[in-house]
Amino acid sequence: MLALHIRQLQHHSHFHGAATASVRKRVDAALAAALDNELEAAMLSAGIDSDEEICIRRIRMRSALSLRRSDRQLAADLSLGWVDELRRAIERVDQALDDKSSSDNDQ
């Protein structure tokens, strides 16, 4: 079972146009759905090991959402973006550990 713990989440949205309040409401609802439902499923489908403990200090993600998509699709889009950034962060750590190991072996 995947246990996901987010200690702090900062979310900044920028909207343009006359329907800003309604758009903000939809995106906030999609964000809540992503956190409640979609993110864990996206992580599992991306192959992120559910038995592994991963600590990442910060993930920064930019996303452009198509408001033509359903609310569920918006939540899935946000989740997939986070999973992609999480995977990149894990790869950077793995690469740094590999580089350190190689350097230690050379000495």
C-alpha atoms as a PDB file:
ATOM      1  CA  MET A   1       0.000   0.000   0.000  1.00  0.00           C
ATOM      2  CA  LEU A   2       1.395   3.361  -1.011  1.00  0.00           C
ATOM      3  CA  ALA A   3       1.472   5.910   1.794  1.00  0.00           C
ATOM      4  CA  LEU A   4       1.791   9.428   0.540  1.00  0.00           C
ATOM      5  CA  HIS A   5       2.546  12.235   2.966  1.00  0.00           C
ATOM      6  CA  ILE A   6       2.719  15.846   1.886  1.00  0.00           C
ATOM      7  CA  ARG A   7       3.810  18.091   4.714  1.00  0.00           C
ATOM      8  CA  GLN A   8       3.361  21.382   2.917  1.00  0.00           C
ATOM      9  CA  LEU A   9       1.821  22.281  -0.398  1.00  0.00           C
ATOM     10  CA  GLN A  10       1.975  25.674  -1.992  1.00  0.00           C
ATOM     11  CA  HIS A  11      -0.062  26.188  -5.087  1.00  0.00           C
ATOM     12  CA  HIS A  12      -0.024  29.331  -7.180  1.00  0.00           C
ATOM     13  CA  SER A  13      -2.399  29.812 -10.083  1.00  0.00           C
ATOM     14  CA  HIS A  14      -2.509  32.512 -12.682  1.00  0.00           C
ATOM     15  CA  PHE A  15      -5.641  33.032 -14.724  1.00  0.00           C
ATOM     16  CA  HIS A  16      -6.593  35.464 -17.419  1.00  0.00           C
ATOM     17  CA  GLY A  17     -10.029  36.448 -18.607  1.00  0.00           C
ATOM     18  CA  ALA A  18     -13.448  37.329 -17.331  1.00  0.00           C
ATOM     19  CA  ALA A  19     -14.325  33.953 -15.788  1.00  0.00           C
ATOM     20  CA  THR A  20     -11.424  33.945 -13.320  1.00  0.00           C
ATOM     21  CA  ALA A  21     -13.496  33.035 -10.232  1.00  0.00           C
ATOM     22  CA  SER A  22     -15.189  30.070 -11.885  1.00  0.00           C
ATOM     23  CA  VAL A  23     -11.918  28.856 -13.408  1.00  0.00           C
ATOM     24  CA  ARG A  24     -10.168  29.122 -10.045  1.00  0.00           C
ATOM     25  CA  LYS A  25     -12.980  27.096  -8.461  1.00  0.00           C
ATOM     26  CA  ARG A  26     -12.615  24.332 -11.086  1.00  0.00           C
ATOM     27  CA  VAL A  27      -8.835  24.183 -10.771  1.00  0.00           C
ATOM     28  CA  ASP A  28      -9.010  24.136  -6.973  1.00  0.00           C
ATOM     29  CA  ALA A  29     -11.523  21.269  -7.166  1.00  0.00           C
ATOM     30  CA  ALA A  30      -9.227  19.422  -9.605  1.00  0.00           C
ATOM     31  CA  LEU A  31      -6.304  19.954  -7.242  1.00  0.00           C
ATOM     32  CA  ALA A  32      -8.303  18.516  -4.326  1.00  0.00           C
ATOM     33  CA  ALA A  33      -9.334  15.529  -6.462  1.00  0.00           C
ATOM     34  CA  ALA A  34      -5.735  15.005  -7.556  1.00  0.00           C
ATOM     35  CA  LEU A  35      -4.576  14.893  -3.953  1.00  0.00           C
ATOM     36  CA  ASP A  36      -7.469  12.736  -2.773  1.00  0.00           C
ATOM     37  CA  ASN A  37      -7.662  10.230  -5.621  1.00  0.00           C
ATOM     38  CA  GLU A  38      -5.512  10.607  -8.687  1.00  0.00           C
ATOM     39  CA  LEU A  39      -1.967  11.164  -7.427  1.00  0.00           C
ATOM     40  CA  GLU A  40      -1.542   7.824  -5.678  1.00  0.00           C
ATOM     41  CA  ALA A  41      -2.900   5.933  -8.689  1.00  0.00           C
ATOM     42  CA  ALA A  42      -0.612   7.871 -11.032  1.00  0.00           C
ATOM     43  CA  MET A  43       2.406   7.058  -8.860  1.00  0.00           C
ATOM     44  CA  LEU A  44       1.574   3.362  -8.821  1.00  0.00           C
ATOM     45  CA  SER A  45       1.012   3.250 -12.567  1.00  0.00           C
ATOM     46  CA  ALA A  46       4.336   5.045 -13.087  1.00  0.00           C
ATOM     47  CA  GLY A  47       6.081   2.223 -11.258  1.00  0.00           C
ATOM     48  CA  ILE A  48       7.083   4.185  -8.173  1.00  0.00           C
ATOM     49  CA  ASP A  49       7.646   1.469  -5.590  1.00  0.00           C
ATOM     50  CA  SER A  50       4.939   1.466  -2.948  1.00  0.00           C
ATOM     51  CA  ASP A  51       7.308  -0.120  -0.399  1.00  0.00           C
ATOM     52  CA  GLU A  52       9.864   2.645  -0.752  1.00  0.00           C
ATOM     53  CA  GLU A  53      10.145   5.730   1.440  1.00  0.00           C
ATOM     54  CA  ILE A  54      10.999   8.785  -0.599  1.00  0.00           C
ATOM     55  CA  CYS A  55      11.697  12.175   0.923  1.00  0.00           C
ATOM     56  CA  ILE A  56      11.787  15.101  -1.455  1.00  0.00           C
ATOM     57  CA  ARG A  57      12.097  18.607  -0.143  1.00  0.00           C
ATOM     58  CA  ARG A  58      10.616  20.471  -3.054  1.00  0.00           C
ATOM     59  CA  ILE A  59       9.044  19.823  -6.394  1.00  0.00           C
ATOM     60  CA  ARG A  60       8.292  22.723  -8.677  1.00  0.00           C
ATOM     61  CA  MET A  61       5.931  22.120 -11.493  1.00  0.00           C
ATOM     62  CA  ARG A  62       4.383  24.306 -14.127  1.00  0.00           C
ATOM     63  CA  SER A  63       1.324  23.109 -15.893  1.00  0.00           C
ATOM     64  CA  ALA A  64      -0.923  24.471 -18.558  1.00  0.00           C
ATOM     65  CA  LEU A  65      -4.360  22.995 -18.162  1.00  0.00           C
ATOM     66  CA  SER A  66      -6.958  22.786 -20.889  1.00  0.00           C
ATOM     67  CA  LEU A  67     -10.262  23.872 -19.428  1.00  0.00           C
ATOM     68  CA  ARG A  68     -12.014  21.955 -22.198  1.00  0.00           C
ATOM     69  CA  ARG A  69     -11.186  18.760 -20.321  1.00  0.00           C
ATOM     70  CA  SER A  70     -13.433  17.319 -17.621  1.00  0.00           C
ATOM     71  CA  ASP A  71     -12.725  17.971 -13.952  1.00  0.00           C
ATOM     72  CA  ARG A  72     -11.500  14.391 -13.558  1.00  0.00           C
ATOM     73  CA  GLN A  73      -9.163  14.825 -16.536  1.00  0.00           C
ATOM     74  CA  LEU A  74      -7.813  18.064 -15.019  1.00  0.00           C
ATOM     75  CA  ALA A  75      -7.071  16.174 -11.781  1.00  0.00           C
ATOM     76  CA  ALA A  76      -5.346  13.411 -13.740  1.00  0.00           C
ATOM     77  CA  ASP A  77      -3.304  15.987 -15.691  1.00  0.00           C
ATOM     78  CA  LEU A  78      -2.113  17.590 -12.446  1.00  0.00           C
ATOM     79  CA  SER A  79      -1.267  14.194 -10.968  1.00  0.00           C
ATOM     80  CA  LEU A  80       0.684  13.081 -14.021  1.00  0.00           C
ATOM     81  CA  GLY A  81       2.658  16.327 -13.965  1.00  0.00           C
ATOM     82  CA  TRP A  82       3.581  15.783 -10.328  1.00  0.00           C
ATOM     83  CA  VAL A  83       4.544  12.180 -10.962  1.00  0.00           C
ATOM     84  CA  ASP A  84       6.794  13.235 -13.854  1.00  0.00           C
ATOM     85  CA  GLU A  85       8.525  15.793 -11.612  1.00  0.00           C
ATOM     86  CA  LEU A  86       8.806  13.252  -8.801  1.00  0.00           C
ATOM     87  CA  ARG A  87      10.370  10.729 -11.182  1.00  0.00           C
ATOM     88  CA  ARG A  88      12.880  13.355 -12.379  1.00  0.00           C
ATOM     89  CA  ALA A  89      13.788  14.189  -8.771  1.00  0.00           C
ATOM     90  CA  ILE A  90      14.341  10.504  -7.979  1.00  0.00           C
ATOM     91  CA  GLU A  91      16.485  10.115 -11.116  1.00  0.00           C
ATOM     92  CA  ARG A  92      18.622  13.114 -10.082  1.00  0.00           C
ATOM     93  CA  VAL A  93      19.213  11.563  -6.653  1.00  0.00           C
ATOM     94  CA  ASP A  94      19.999   8.169  -8.189  1.00  0.00           C
ATOM     95  CA  GLN A  95      22.460   9.796 -10.609  1.00  0.00           C
ATOM     96  CA  ALA A  96      24.143  11.715  -7.799  1.00  0.00           C
ATOM     97  CA  LEU A  97      24.489   8.504  -5.768  1.00  0.00           C
ATOM     98  CA  ASP A  98      25.899   6.661  -8.802  1.00  0.00           C
ATOM     99  CA  ASP A  99      28.387   9.480  -9.429  1.00  0.00           C
ATOM    100  CA  LYS A 100      29.469   9.449  -5.784  1.00  0.00           C
ATOM    101  CA  SER A 101      29.826   5.671  -5.818  1.00  0.00           C
ATOM    102  CA  SER A 102      31.950   5.818  -8.977  1.00  0.00           C
ATOM    103  CA  SER A 103      34.096   8.543  -7.486  1.00  0.00           C
ATOM    104  CA  ASP A 104      34.580   6.575  -4.266  1.00  0.00           C
ATOM    105  CA  ASN A 105      35.553   3.456  -6.252  1.00  0.00           C
ATOM    106  CA  ASP A 106      38.121   5.413  -8.281  1.00  0.00           C
ATOM    107  CA  GLN A 107      39.994   6.419  -5.136  1.00  0.00           C
END
